[in-house]
Amino acid sequence: MQDRRLNQDDNRGLGQGVRDNVLTPNRFNIYFEKRKSPLPKDKMNGYPSLQSHMTYLHLVHPLFVIPQSDRAGSISVSPLFSPLSKPLPCDIHLLNLRTLQNKDDNKEVKYIPRDESALLLHHLGIDCGFPNQGLFCEASEGKVVLQDLFKDVKIQTVTETSLSLLHDNEELEPSASLKLNPMEIYTYRVKIQ
């Protein structure tokens, strides 16, 4: 890796030269895999394998369990907790699920969560030319039914919206099978009964 040191401003927003370079530790993980069959010269696919996607998600998004103690000071953690009725397909990544807050300026209502949530899903584009070793799940080719995702939750309405949740597109049937395109992020406004 190479780095430049400038004595003068390079007009890129810093307003001064950079002369205080600091050594920064880096950690790189290299994942080698072998294709089942050679890729034809006329077909170029830039998608990683499903195994490399799962490895990447495990490294970048580790799971942190943060227990909460009760008043007596004892900590109890449930060893098994899953809000999902069944595991998501391997090629669907749940980016975010968050409760939306009220827009009202009334101080009594402002911090009470609404019965609406923002659901962000990412369909991982995969190359099927690599073997799946050690994965206990299957890819769904981007198909997902929102009503079947969560247990003990009844979805009343689903609205496809923009990533910023500012522009609503169309209202969808909660029991409809959605088809997500590879390498796309989809945002839904979900109203819960």
N, C-alpha and C. Protein backbone atom coordinates (compact mmCIF):
# COMPACT_ATOMS: atom_id res chain seq x y z
N MET A 1 0.86 -1.18 0.00
CA MET A 1 0.00 0.00 0.00
C MET A 1 0.90 1.23 0.00
N GLN A 2 0.43 2.24 -0.69
CA GLN A 2 1.23 3.44 -0.82
C GLN A 2 0.39 4.63 -0.37
N ASP A 3 1.02 5.56 0.30
CA ASP A 3 0.32 6.74 0.77
C ASP A 3 1.15 7.97 0.40
N ARG A 4 0.45 9.07 0.08
CA ARG A 4 1.14 10.31 -0.26
C ARG A 4 1.13 11.24 0.93
N ARG A 5 2.17 12.04 1.05
CA ARG A 5 2.19 13.11 2.04
C ARG A 5 2.30 14.41 1.28
N LEU A 6 1.37 15.31 1.54
CA LEU A 6 1.35 16.60 0.87
C LEU A 6 1.72 17.71 1.85
N ASN A 7 2.51 18.64 1.39
CA ASN A 7 2.83 19.80 2.22
C ASN A 7 1.80 20.90 2.07
N GLN A 8 1.04 20.88 0.98
CA GLN A 8 0.06 21.92 0.72
C GLN A 8 -1.32 21.29 0.58
N ASP A 9 -2.36 22.14 0.59
CA ASP A 9 -3.74 21.68 0.46
C ASP A 9 -3.98 21.15 -0.95
N ASP A 10 -4.69 20.04 -1.06
CA ASP A 10 -5.00 19.46 -2.37
C ASP A 10 -6.40 19.82 -2.85
N ASN A 11 -7.05 20.78 -2.20
CA ASN A 11 -8.39 21.27 -2.57
C ASN A 11 -9.44 20.17 -2.57
N ARG A 12 -9.34 19.24 -1.63
CA ARG A 12 -10.33 18.19 -1.48
C ARG A 12 -11.06 18.30 -0.15
N GLY A 13 -11.07 19.47 0.46
CA GLY A 13 -11.89 19.70 1.63
C GLY A 13 -11.18 19.74 2.95
N LEU A 14 -9.92 19.32 3.02
CA LEU A 14 -9.23 19.29 4.31
C LEU A 14 -8.73 20.67 4.72
N GLY A 15 -8.31 21.47 3.74
CA GLY A 15 -7.88 22.84 4.03
C GLY A 15 -6.44 22.95 4.46
N GLN A 16 -5.68 21.89 4.45
CA GLN A 16 -4.27 21.91 4.82
C GLN A 16 -3.59 20.67 4.28
N GLY A 17 -2.29 20.67 4.31
CA GLY A 17 -1.55 19.49 3.90
C GLY A 17 -1.61 18.42 4.97
N VAL A 18 -1.40 17.17 4.56
CA VAL A 18 -1.45 16.05 5.50
C VAL A 18 -0.02 15.62 5.79
N ARG A 19 0.44 15.88 7.01
CA ARG A 19 1.81 15.51 7.37
C ARG A 19 1.84 14.67 8.65
N ASP A 20 0.66 14.25 9.12
CA ASP A 20 0.63 13.50 10.37
C ASP A 20 0.14 12.07 10.14
N ASN A 21 0.76 11.39 9.20
CA ASN A 21 0.38 10.01 8.91
C ASN A 21 0.67 9.13 10.12
N VAL A 22 -0.25 8.22 10.40
CA VAL A 22 -0.14 7.32 11.54
C VAL A 22 -0.24 5.89 11.02
N LEU A 23 0.63 5.02 11.53
CA LEU A 23 0.52 3.61 11.17
C LEU A 23 -0.79 3.06 11.70
N THR A 24 -1.53 2.37 10.83
CA THR A 24 -2.84 1.82 11.19
C THR A 24 -2.81 0.32 10.95
N PRO A 25 -3.18 -0.46 11.97
CA PRO A 25 -3.19 -1.92 11.74
C PRO A 25 -4.37 -2.32 10.86
N ASN A 26 -4.12 -3.24 9.96
CA ASN A 26 -5.15 -3.78 9.08
C ASN A 26 -5.18 -5.29 9.21
N ARG A 27 -6.37 -5.84 9.03
CA ARG A 27 -6.51 -7.29 9.04
C ARG A 27 -7.25 -7.69 7.77
N PHE A 28 -6.64 -8.54 6.99
CA PHE A 28 -7.24 -8.98 5.74
C PHE A 28 -7.55 -10.47 5.84
N ASN A 29 -8.69 -10.86 5.31
CA ASN A 29 -9.07 -12.27 5.23
C ASN A 29 -9.19 -12.63 3.76
N ILE A 30 -8.48 -13.64 3.34
CA ILE A 30 -8.53 -14.09 1.95
C ILE A 30 -9.21 -15.44 1.93
N TYR A 31 -10.21 -15.55 1.06
CA TYR A 31 -10.99 -16.78 0.96
C TYR A 31 -10.79 -17.36 -0.43
N PHE A 32 -10.21 -18.54 -0.52
CA PHE A 32 -9.97 -19.20 -1.80
C PHE A 32 -11.02 -20.28 -1.99
N GLU A 33 -11.56 -20.36 -3.19
CA GLU A 33 -12.50 -21.42 -3.51
C GLU A 33 -12.29 -21.85 -4.95
N LYS A 34 -12.69 -23.07 -5.22
CA LYS A 34 -12.50 -23.64 -6.55
C LYS A 34 -13.85 -23.89 -7.19
N ARG A 35 -13.98 -23.50 -8.44
CA ARG A 35 -15.23 -23.68 -9.17
C ARG A 35 -15.49 -25.16 -9.45
N LYS A 36 -16.79 -25.51 -9.53
CA LYS A 36 -17.16 -26.87 -9.90
C LYS A 36 -16.77 -27.17 -11.34
N SER A 37 -16.97 -26.18 -12.20
CA SER A 37 -16.61 -26.32 -13.61
C SER A 37 -16.07 -24.98 -14.09
N PRO A 38 -15.21 -24.99 -15.10
CA PRO A 38 -14.65 -23.72 -15.58
C PRO A 38 -15.73 -22.79 -16.12
N LEU A 39 -15.53 -21.52 -15.92
CA LEU A 39 -16.47 -20.51 -16.40
C LEU A 39 -16.22 -20.29 -17.89
N PRO A 40 -17.27 -20.37 -18.73
CA PRO A 40 -17.08 -20.11 -20.17
C PRO A 40 -16.56 -18.69 -20.40
N LYS A 41 -15.75 -18.53 -21.42
CA LYS A 41 -15.14 -17.24 -21.72
C LYS A 41 -16.18 -16.17 -22.05
N ASP A 42 -17.31 -16.58 -22.68
CA ASP A 42 -18.31 -15.60 -23.08
C ASP A 42 -19.24 -15.21 -21.93
N LYS A 43 -19.21 -15.94 -20.83
CA LYS A 43 -20.09 -15.65 -19.70
C LYS A 43 -19.26 -15.15 -18.53
N MET A 44 -19.36 -13.90 -18.25
CA MET A 44 -18.65 -13.33 -17.11
C MET A 44 -19.66 -13.02 -16.02
N ASN A 45 -19.45 -13.56 -14.84
CA ASN A 45 -20.35 -13.35 -13.71
C ASN A 45 -19.52 -12.76 -12.58
N GLY A 46 -19.91 -11.59 -12.10
CA GLY A 46 -19.15 -10.93 -11.06
C GLY A 46 -19.65 -11.20 -9.66
N TYR A 47 -20.57 -12.15 -9.50
CA TYR A 47 -21.12 -12.42 -8.17
C TYR A 47 -20.23 -13.39 -7.40
N PRO A 48 -20.12 -13.19 -6.09
CA PRO A 48 -19.40 -14.16 -5.26
C PRO A 48 -20.27 -15.40 -5.04
N SER A 49 -19.66 -16.42 -4.46
CA SER A 49 -20.41 -17.63 -4.15
C SER A 49 -21.24 -17.41 -2.89
N LEU A 50 -22.19 -18.30 -2.65
CA LEU A 50 -23.01 -18.22 -1.46
C LEU A 50 -22.15 -18.42 -0.21
N GLN A 51 -21.18 -19.30 -0.28
CA GLN A 51 -20.27 -19.55 0.85
C GLN A 51 -19.47 -18.29 1.19
N SER A 52 -18.99 -17.57 0.19
CA SER A 52 -18.22 -16.36 0.47
C SER A 52 -19.11 -15.25 1.02
N HIS A 53 -20.36 -15.17 0.57
CA HIS A 53 -21.30 -14.20 1.16
C HIS A 53 -21.51 -14.49 2.65
N MET A 54 -21.73 -15.77 2.99
CA MET A 54 -21.97 -16.14 4.39
C MET A 54 -20.73 -15.86 5.25
N THR A 55 -19.55 -16.14 4.70
CA THR A 55 -18.30 -15.87 5.43
C THR A 55 -18.14 -14.37 5.65
N TYR A 56 -18.40 -13.58 4.63
CA TYR A 56 -18.31 -12.13 4.74
C TYR A 56 -19.28 -11.59 5.79
N LEU A 57 -20.54 -12.04 5.75
CA LEU A 57 -21.53 -11.55 6.71
C LEU A 57 -21.17 -11.94 8.14
N HIS A 58 -20.58 -13.13 8.31
CA HIS A 58 -20.16 -13.57 9.63
C HIS A 58 -19.01 -12.69 10.17
N LEU A 59 -18.09 -12.30 9.29
CA LEU A 59 -16.95 -11.48 9.72
C LEU A 59 -17.34 -10.02 9.95
N VAL A 60 -18.18 -9.49 9.09
CA VAL A 60 -18.52 -8.06 9.16
C VAL A 60 -19.63 -7.77 10.16
N HIS A 61 -20.58 -8.69 10.31
CA HIS A 61 -21.72 -8.48 11.21
C HIS A 61 -21.74 -9.56 12.30
N PRO A 62 -20.81 -9.51 13.23
CA PRO A 62 -20.84 -10.52 14.30
C PRO A 62 -22.03 -10.29 15.22
N LEU A 63 -22.46 -11.35 15.87
CA LEU A 63 -23.60 -11.28 16.77
C LEU A 63 -23.09 -10.97 18.17
N PHE A 64 -23.61 -9.90 18.77
CA PHE A 64 -23.26 -9.51 20.12
C PHE A 64 -24.47 -9.71 21.01
N VAL A 65 -24.34 -10.53 22.03
CA VAL A 65 -25.42 -10.73 22.99
C VAL A 65 -25.17 -9.80 24.17
N ILE A 66 -26.11 -8.89 24.42
CA ILE A 66 -25.97 -7.93 25.50
C ILE A 66 -27.05 -8.24 26.52
N PRO A 67 -26.70 -8.97 27.58
CA PRO A 67 -27.73 -9.32 28.57
C PRO A 67 -28.09 -8.13 29.45
N GLN A 68 -29.29 -8.15 29.93
CA GLN A 68 -29.76 -7.11 30.83
C GLN A 68 -30.04 -7.74 32.19
N SER A 69 -29.49 -7.13 33.23
CA SER A 69 -29.69 -7.70 34.57
C SER A 69 -30.97 -7.17 35.16
N ASP A 70 -31.58 -7.98 36.02
CA ASP A 70 -32.79 -7.53 36.70
C ASP A 70 -32.37 -6.75 37.96
N ARG A 71 -33.32 -6.35 38.74
CA ARG A 71 -33.02 -5.51 39.91
C ARG A 71 -32.17 -6.21 40.95
N ALA A 72 -32.26 -7.53 41.02
CA ALA A 72 -31.47 -8.27 42.00
C ALA A 72 -30.02 -8.43 41.55
N GLY A 73 -29.72 -8.05 40.30
CA GLY A 73 -28.36 -8.14 39.80
C GLY A 73 -28.04 -9.42 39.06
N SER A 74 -28.99 -10.34 38.99
CA SER A 74 -28.73 -11.58 38.26
C SER A 74 -29.00 -11.36 36.77
N ILE A 75 -28.24 -12.06 35.97
CA ILE A 75 -28.36 -11.94 34.52
C ILE A 75 -28.93 -13.24 33.98
N SER A 76 -30.00 -13.10 33.20
CA SER A 76 -30.57 -14.28 32.57
C SER A 76 -30.64 -14.06 31.06
N VAL A 77 -30.09 -15.00 30.35
CA VAL A 77 -30.07 -14.92 28.89
C VAL A 77 -30.74 -16.18 28.35
N SER A 78 -31.72 -15.97 27.48
CA SER A 78 -32.36 -17.11 26.85
C SER A 78 -31.41 -17.67 25.80
N PRO A 79 -31.09 -18.97 25.87
CA PRO A 79 -30.14 -19.53 24.90
C PRO A 79 -30.72 -19.61 23.49
N LEU A 80 -32.03 -19.65 23.37
CA LEU A 80 -32.67 -19.73 22.06
C LEU A 80 -33.71 -18.64 21.94
N PHE A 81 -33.46 -17.70 21.05
CA PHE A 81 -34.45 -16.67 20.77
C PHE A 81 -34.42 -16.39 19.28
N SER A 82 -35.57 -16.45 18.66
CA SER A 82 -35.67 -16.13 17.25
C SER A 82 -37.05 -15.53 16.99
N PRO A 83 -37.10 -14.29 16.53
CA PRO A 83 -38.39 -13.71 16.19
C PRO A 83 -38.93 -14.22 14.86
N LEU A 84 -38.09 -14.95 14.12
CA LEU A 84 -38.49 -15.48 12.82
C LEU A 84 -39.20 -16.80 12.98
N SER A 85 -40.18 -17.03 12.13
CA SER A 85 -40.89 -18.31 12.17
C SER A 85 -40.03 -19.44 11.59
N LYS A 86 -39.16 -19.10 10.66
CA LYS A 86 -38.21 -20.05 10.08
C LYS A 86 -37.00 -19.24 9.62
N PRO A 87 -35.86 -19.87 9.46
CA PRO A 87 -34.68 -19.11 9.03
C PRO A 87 -34.88 -18.49 7.65
N LEU A 88 -34.28 -17.32 7.47
CA LEU A 88 -34.32 -16.68 6.16
C LEU A 88 -33.52 -17.51 5.16
N PRO A 89 -33.88 -17.46 3.89
CA PRO A 89 -33.05 -18.12 2.89
C PRO A 89 -31.64 -17.52 2.92
N CYS A 90 -30.66 -18.29 2.53
CA CYS A 90 -29.27 -17.83 2.59
C CYS A 90 -29.00 -16.61 1.72
N ASP A 91 -29.74 -16.45 0.64
CA ASP A 91 -29.47 -15.34 -0.26
C ASP A 91 -30.25 -14.07 0.10
N ILE A 92 -31.00 -14.08 1.19
CA ILE A 92 -31.72 -12.89 1.66
C ILE A 92 -31.08 -12.43 2.96
N HIS A 93 -30.65 -11.19 3.00
CA HIS A 93 -30.00 -10.62 4.18
C HIS A 93 -30.92 -9.55 4.77
N LEU A 94 -31.28 -9.72 6.03
CA LEU A 94 -32.11 -8.74 6.74
C LEU A 94 -31.19 -7.61 7.18
N LEU A 95 -31.24 -6.49 6.46
CA LEU A 95 -30.36 -5.37 6.78
C LEU A 95 -30.81 -4.63 8.03
N ASN A 96 -32.11 -4.39 8.14
CA ASN A 96 -32.60 -3.61 9.27
C ASN A 96 -34.09 -3.88 9.46
N LEU A 97 -34.49 -3.89 10.70
CA LEU A 97 -35.90 -3.95 11.07
C LEU A 97 -36.03 -3.02 12.27
N ARG A 98 -36.67 -1.90 12.06
CA ARG A 98 -36.75 -0.92 13.14
C ARG A 98 -38.14 -0.34 13.23
N THR A 99 -38.53 0.00 14.44
CA THR A 99 -39.82 0.61 14.69
C THR A 99 -39.74 2.08 14.30
N LEU A 100 -40.78 2.57 13.66
CA LEU A 100 -40.83 3.98 13.28
C LEU A 100 -41.41 4.80 14.43
N GLN A 101 -40.88 5.99 14.61
CA GLN A 101 -41.38 6.84 15.69
C GLN A 101 -42.45 7.77 15.15
N ASN A 102 -43.25 8.31 16.07
CA ASN A 102 -44.31 9.24 15.69
C ASN A 102 -43.72 10.55 15.19
N LYS A 103 -44.39 11.15 14.23
CA LYS A 103 -43.95 12.43 13.69
C LYS A 103 -44.56 13.60 14.43
N ASP A 104 -45.51 13.33 15.29
CA ASP A 104 -46.22 14.39 16.00
C ASP A 104 -45.25 15.10 16.95
N ASP A 105 -45.37 16.42 17.03
CA ASP A 105 -44.52 17.19 17.92
C ASP A 105 -45.01 17.19 19.36
N ASN A 106 -46.15 16.58 19.61
CA ASN A 106 -46.67 16.50 20.96
C ASN A 106 -45.69 15.67 21.81
N LYS A 107 -45.22 16.22 22.92
CA LYS A 107 -44.21 15.55 23.73
C LYS A 107 -44.72 14.24 24.33
N GLU A 108 -46.02 14.10 24.54
CA GLU A 108 -46.56 12.87 25.11
C GLU A 108 -46.56 11.72 24.11
N VAL A 109 -46.62 12.04 22.81
CA VAL A 109 -46.73 11.02 21.77
C VAL A 109 -45.42 10.82 21.03
N LYS A 110 -44.53 11.79 21.08
CA LYS A 110 -43.34 11.81 20.22
C LYS A 110 -42.46 10.57 20.38
N TYR A 111 -42.27 10.09 21.59
CA TYR A 111 -41.35 8.99 21.80
C TYR A 111 -42.04 7.63 21.95
N ILE A 112 -43.33 7.60 21.71
CA ILE A 112 -44.06 6.33 21.73
C ILE A 112 -43.96 5.72 20.33
N PRO A 113 -43.47 4.50 20.22
CA PRO A 113 -43.34 3.91 18.88
C PRO A 113 -44.69 3.65 18.23
N ARG A 114 -44.69 3.73 16.91
CA ARG A 114 -45.91 3.44 16.15
C ARG A 114 -46.04 1.94 15.95
N ASP A 115 -47.15 1.55 15.37
CA ASP A 115 -47.35 0.14 15.03
C ASP A 115 -46.83 -0.15 13.62
N GLU A 116 -45.90 0.67 13.15
CA GLU A 116 -45.29 0.50 11.84
C GLU A 116 -43.79 0.29 12.01
N SER A 117 -43.23 -0.52 11.12
CA SER A 117 -41.80 -0.79 11.15
C SER A 117 -41.24 -0.64 9.74
N ALA A 118 -39.95 -0.33 9.67
CA ALA A 118 -39.22 -0.31 8.41
C ALA A 118 -38.45 -1.61 8.29
N LEU A 119 -38.64 -2.30 7.19
CA LEU A 119 -37.98 -3.58 6.93
C LEU A 119 -37.13 -3.43 5.69
N LEU A 120 -35.82 -3.65 5.82
CA LEU A 120 -34.89 -3.53 4.70
C LEU A 120 -34.30 -4.91 4.40
N LEU A 121 -34.50 -5.38 3.18
CA LEU A 121 -34.00 -6.69 2.75
C LEU A 121 -33.04 -6.52 1.58
N HIS A 122 -31.98 -7.31 1.58
CA HIS A 122 -31.00 -7.29 0.50
C HIS A 122 -30.91 -8.69 -0.09
N HIS A 123 -31.13 -8.78 -1.39
CA HIS A 123 -30.98 -10.07 -2.07
C HIS A 123 -29.54 -10.16 -2.56
N LEU A 124 -28.80 -11.10 -2.00
CA LEU A 124 -27.40 -11.28 -2.38
C LEU A 124 -27.32 -11.98 -3.73
N GLY A 125 -26.58 -11.41 -4.65
CA GLY A 125 -26.36 -12.05 -5.94
C GLY A 125 -25.31 -13.14 -5.77
N ILE A 126 -25.60 -14.35 -6.22
CA ILE A 126 -24.66 -15.46 -6.03
C ILE A 126 -24.32 -16.13 -7.35
N ASP A 127 -23.13 -16.70 -7.40
CA ASP A 127 -22.68 -17.50 -8.53
C ASP A 127 -22.82 -18.96 -8.10
N CYS A 128 -23.60 -19.73 -8.81
CA CYS A 128 -23.87 -21.13 -8.44
C CYS A 128 -22.79 -22.08 -8.93
N GLY A 129 -21.70 -21.57 -9.48
CA GLY A 129 -20.63 -22.42 -9.98
C GLY A 129 -19.68 -22.91 -8.91
N PHE A 130 -19.95 -22.59 -7.65
CA PHE A 130 -19.10 -23.01 -6.55
C PHE A 130 -19.86 -23.96 -5.64
N PRO A 131 -19.20 -24.93 -5.05
CA PRO A 131 -19.91 -25.85 -4.13
C PRO A 131 -20.21 -25.16 -2.81
N ASN A 132 -21.33 -25.52 -2.20
CA ASN A 132 -21.70 -25.02 -0.88
C ASN A 132 -21.27 -26.04 0.16
N GLN A 133 -20.20 -25.75 0.85
CA GLN A 133 -19.66 -26.70 1.82
C GLN A 133 -20.02 -26.22 3.22
N GLY A 134 -20.78 -27.03 3.93
CA GLY A 134 -21.09 -26.73 5.32
C GLY A 134 -22.27 -25.80 5.53
N LEU A 135 -22.97 -25.42 4.48
CA LEU A 135 -24.15 -24.56 4.64
C LEU A 135 -25.38 -25.43 4.83
N PHE A 136 -26.17 -25.09 5.83
CA PHE A 136 -27.38 -25.86 6.11
C PHE A 136 -28.62 -25.09 5.66
N CYS A 137 -28.48 -24.28 4.64
CA CYS A 137 -29.63 -23.54 4.13
C CYS A 137 -29.54 -23.49 2.61
N GLU A 138 -30.63 -23.11 2.02
CA GLU A 138 -30.71 -23.05 0.56
C GLU A 138 -31.04 -21.64 0.12
N ALA A 139 -30.67 -21.32 -1.10
CA ALA A 139 -31.02 -20.03 -1.68
C ALA A 139 -32.44 -20.11 -2.24
N SER A 140 -33.14 -18.99 -2.20
CA SER A 140 -34.53 -18.96 -2.66
C SER A 140 -34.71 -18.22 -3.97
N GLU A 141 -33.60 -17.83 -4.59
CA GLU A 141 -33.63 -17.03 -5.83
C GLU A 141 -34.39 -15.73 -5.64
N GLY A 142 -34.34 -15.17 -4.43
CA GLY A 142 -34.93 -13.87 -4.15
C GLY A 142 -36.40 -13.89 -3.81
N LYS A 143 -36.99 -15.06 -3.60
CA LYS A 143 -38.41 -15.14 -3.27
C LYS A 143 -38.60 -15.14 -1.77
N VAL A 144 -39.52 -14.29 -1.29
CA VAL A 144 -39.80 -14.21 0.13
C VAL A 144 -41.25 -13.79 0.33
N VAL A 145 -41.89 -14.35 1.35
CA VAL A 145 -43.26 -13.98 1.73
C VAL A 145 -43.17 -13.31 3.09
N LEU A 146 -43.50 -12.03 3.16
CA LEU A 146 -43.33 -11.27 4.39
C LEU A 146 -44.21 -11.79 5.52
N GLN A 147 -45.41 -12.24 5.21
CA GLN A 147 -46.34 -12.72 6.23
C GLN A 147 -45.78 -13.95 6.95
N ASP A 148 -44.97 -14.74 6.24
CA ASP A 148 -44.42 -15.97 6.82
C ASP A 148 -43.10 -15.77 7.55
N LEU A 149 -42.57 -14.55 7.56
CA LEU A 149 -41.26 -14.33 8.16
C LEU A 149 -41.27 -14.40 9.68
N PHE A 150 -42.22 -13.72 10.32
CA PHE A 150 -42.18 -13.56 11.77
C PHE A 150 -43.24 -14.40 12.45
N LYS A 151 -42.89 -14.96 13.60
CA LYS A 151 -43.87 -15.72 14.36
C LYS A 151 -44.55 -14.78 15.36
N ASP A 152 -45.77 -15.10 15.66
CA ASP A 152 -46.59 -14.32 16.61
C ASP A 152 -46.80 -12.88 16.18
N VAL A 153 -46.66 -12.58 14.90
CA VAL A 153 -46.88 -11.23 14.40
C VAL A 153 -47.81 -11.31 13.19
N LYS A 154 -48.87 -10.54 13.23
CA LYS A 154 -49.81 -10.48 12.11
C LYS A 154 -49.57 -9.17 11.37
N ILE A 155 -49.22 -9.24 10.11
CA ILE A 155 -48.96 -8.05 9.30
C ILE A 155 -50.26 -7.59 8.67
N GLN A 156 -50.58 -6.32 8.89
CA GLN A 156 -51.82 -5.76 8.36
C GLN A 156 -51.61 -5.22 6.94
N THR A 157 -50.62 -4.35 6.76
CA THR A 157 -50.33 -3.79 5.43
C THR A 157 -48.83 -3.78 5.19
N VAL A 158 -48.47 -3.86 3.92
CA VAL A 158 -47.08 -3.77 3.48
C VAL A 158 -47.02 -2.77 2.34
N THR A 159 -46.16 -1.78 2.47
CA THR A 159 -46.00 -0.77 1.42
C THR A 159 -44.54 -0.73 1.01
N GLU A 160 -44.28 -0.95 -0.28
CA GLU A 160 -42.91 -0.80 -0.77
C GLU A 160 -42.60 0.68 -0.83
N THR A 161 -41.43 1.06 -0.35
CA THR A 161 -41.08 2.47 -0.25
C THR A 161 -39.63 2.68 -0.66
N SER A 162 -39.21 3.94 -0.69
CA SER A 162 -37.83 4.24 -1.04
C SER A 162 -36.93 3.91 0.14
N LEU A 163 -35.64 3.89 -0.10
CA LEU A 163 -34.68 3.54 0.94
C LEU A 163 -34.74 4.50 2.12
N SER A 164 -35.07 5.76 1.86
CA SER A 164 -35.16 6.75 2.93
C SER A 164 -36.54 6.80 3.57
N LEU A 165 -37.48 5.98 3.12
CA LEU A 165 -38.86 5.92 3.60
C LEU A 165 -39.65 7.19 3.32
N LEU A 166 -39.19 8.02 2.41
CA LEU A 166 -39.89 9.27 2.10
C LEU A 166 -40.92 9.11 1.00
N HIS A 167 -40.70 8.19 0.07
CA HIS A 167 -41.58 8.06 -1.09
C HIS A 167 -42.16 6.65 -1.14
N ASP A 168 -43.47 6.53 -0.91
CA ASP A 168 -44.13 5.24 -0.98
C ASP A 168 -44.41 4.88 -2.43
N ASN A 169 -44.19 3.60 -2.77
CA ASN A 169 -44.41 3.15 -4.14
C ASN A 169 -45.78 2.50 -4.28
N GLU A 170 -45.93 1.27 -3.82
CA GLU A 170 -47.20 0.59 -3.96
C GLU A 170 -47.48 -0.25 -2.74
N GLU A 171 -48.76 -0.45 -2.46
CA GLU A 171 -49.14 -1.30 -1.34
C GLU A 171 -49.21 -2.73 -1.84
N LEU A 172 -48.67 -3.64 -1.05
CA LEU A 172 -48.58 -5.04 -1.43
C LEU A 172 -49.44 -5.89 -0.50
N GLU A 173 -49.80 -7.05 -0.96
CA GLU A 173 -50.53 -8.00 -0.14
C GLU A 173 -49.53 -8.68 0.80
N PRO A 174 -49.78 -8.74 2.11
CA PRO A 174 -48.82 -9.36 3.03
C PRO A 174 -48.53 -10.82 2.72
N SER A 175 -49.49 -11.53 2.14
CA SER A 175 -49.28 -12.95 1.84
C SER A 175 -48.71 -13.18 0.44
N ALA A 176 -48.42 -12.10 -0.29
CA ALA A 176 -47.89 -12.24 -1.65
C ALA A 176 -46.42 -12.67 -1.61
N SER A 177 -46.03 -13.46 -2.59
CA SER A 177 -44.64 -13.87 -2.73
C SER A 177 -43.89 -12.78 -3.48
N LEU A 178 -42.89 -12.19 -2.84
CA LEU A 178 -42.12 -11.12 -3.45
C LEU A 178 -40.90 -11.70 -4.15
N LYS A 179 -40.54 -11.11 -5.28
CA LYS A 179 -39.35 -11.53 -6.03
C LYS A 179 -38.37 -10.37 -5.99
N LEU A 180 -37.26 -10.55 -5.29
CA LEU A 180 -36.23 -9.53 -5.15
C LEU A 180 -35.14 -9.77 -6.18
N ASN A 181 -34.73 -8.72 -6.87
CA ASN A 181 -33.67 -8.83 -7.86
C ASN A 181 -32.31 -8.95 -7.17
N PRO A 182 -31.36 -9.66 -7.78
CA PRO A 182 -30.04 -9.82 -7.16
C PRO A 182 -29.33 -8.49 -6.97
N MET A 183 -28.65 -8.37 -5.84
CA MET A 183 -27.83 -7.22 -5.47
C MET A 183 -28.66 -5.93 -5.32
N GLU A 184 -29.93 -6.07 -5.01
CA GLU A 184 -30.80 -4.91 -4.79
C GLU A 184 -31.25 -4.88 -3.34
N ILE A 185 -31.46 -3.66 -2.82
CA ILE A 185 -31.99 -3.46 -1.47
C ILE A 185 -33.42 -3.00 -1.61
N TYR A 186 -34.32 -3.66 -0.90
CA TYR A 186 -35.75 -3.32 -0.92
C TYR A 186 -36.17 -2.86 0.46
N THR A 187 -36.98 -1.80 0.49
CA THR A 187 -37.46 -1.24 1.75
C THR A 187 -38.98 -1.34 1.79
N TYR A 188 -39.49 -1.81 2.91
CA TYR A 188 -40.94 -1.97 3.09
C TYR A 188 -41.36 -1.30 4.39
N ARG A 189 -42.50 -0.63 4.32
CA ARG A 189 -43.14 -0.08 5.52
C ARG A 189 -44.20 -1.10 5.91
N VAL A 190 -44.02 -1.73 7.07
CA VAL A 190 -44.87 -2.83 7.51
C VAL A 190 -45.70 -2.37 8.69
N LYS A 191 -47.04 -2.48 8.57
CA LYS A 191 -47.94 -2.14 9.66
C LYS A 191 -48.40 -3.42 10.32
N ILE A 192 -48.23 -3.47 11.65
CA ILE A 192 -48.53 -4.68 12.41
C ILE A 192 -49.86 -4.52 13.13
N GLN A 193 -50.68 -5.59 13.13
CA GLN A 193 -51.97 -5.57 13.81
C GLN A 193 -51.78 -5.73 15.29
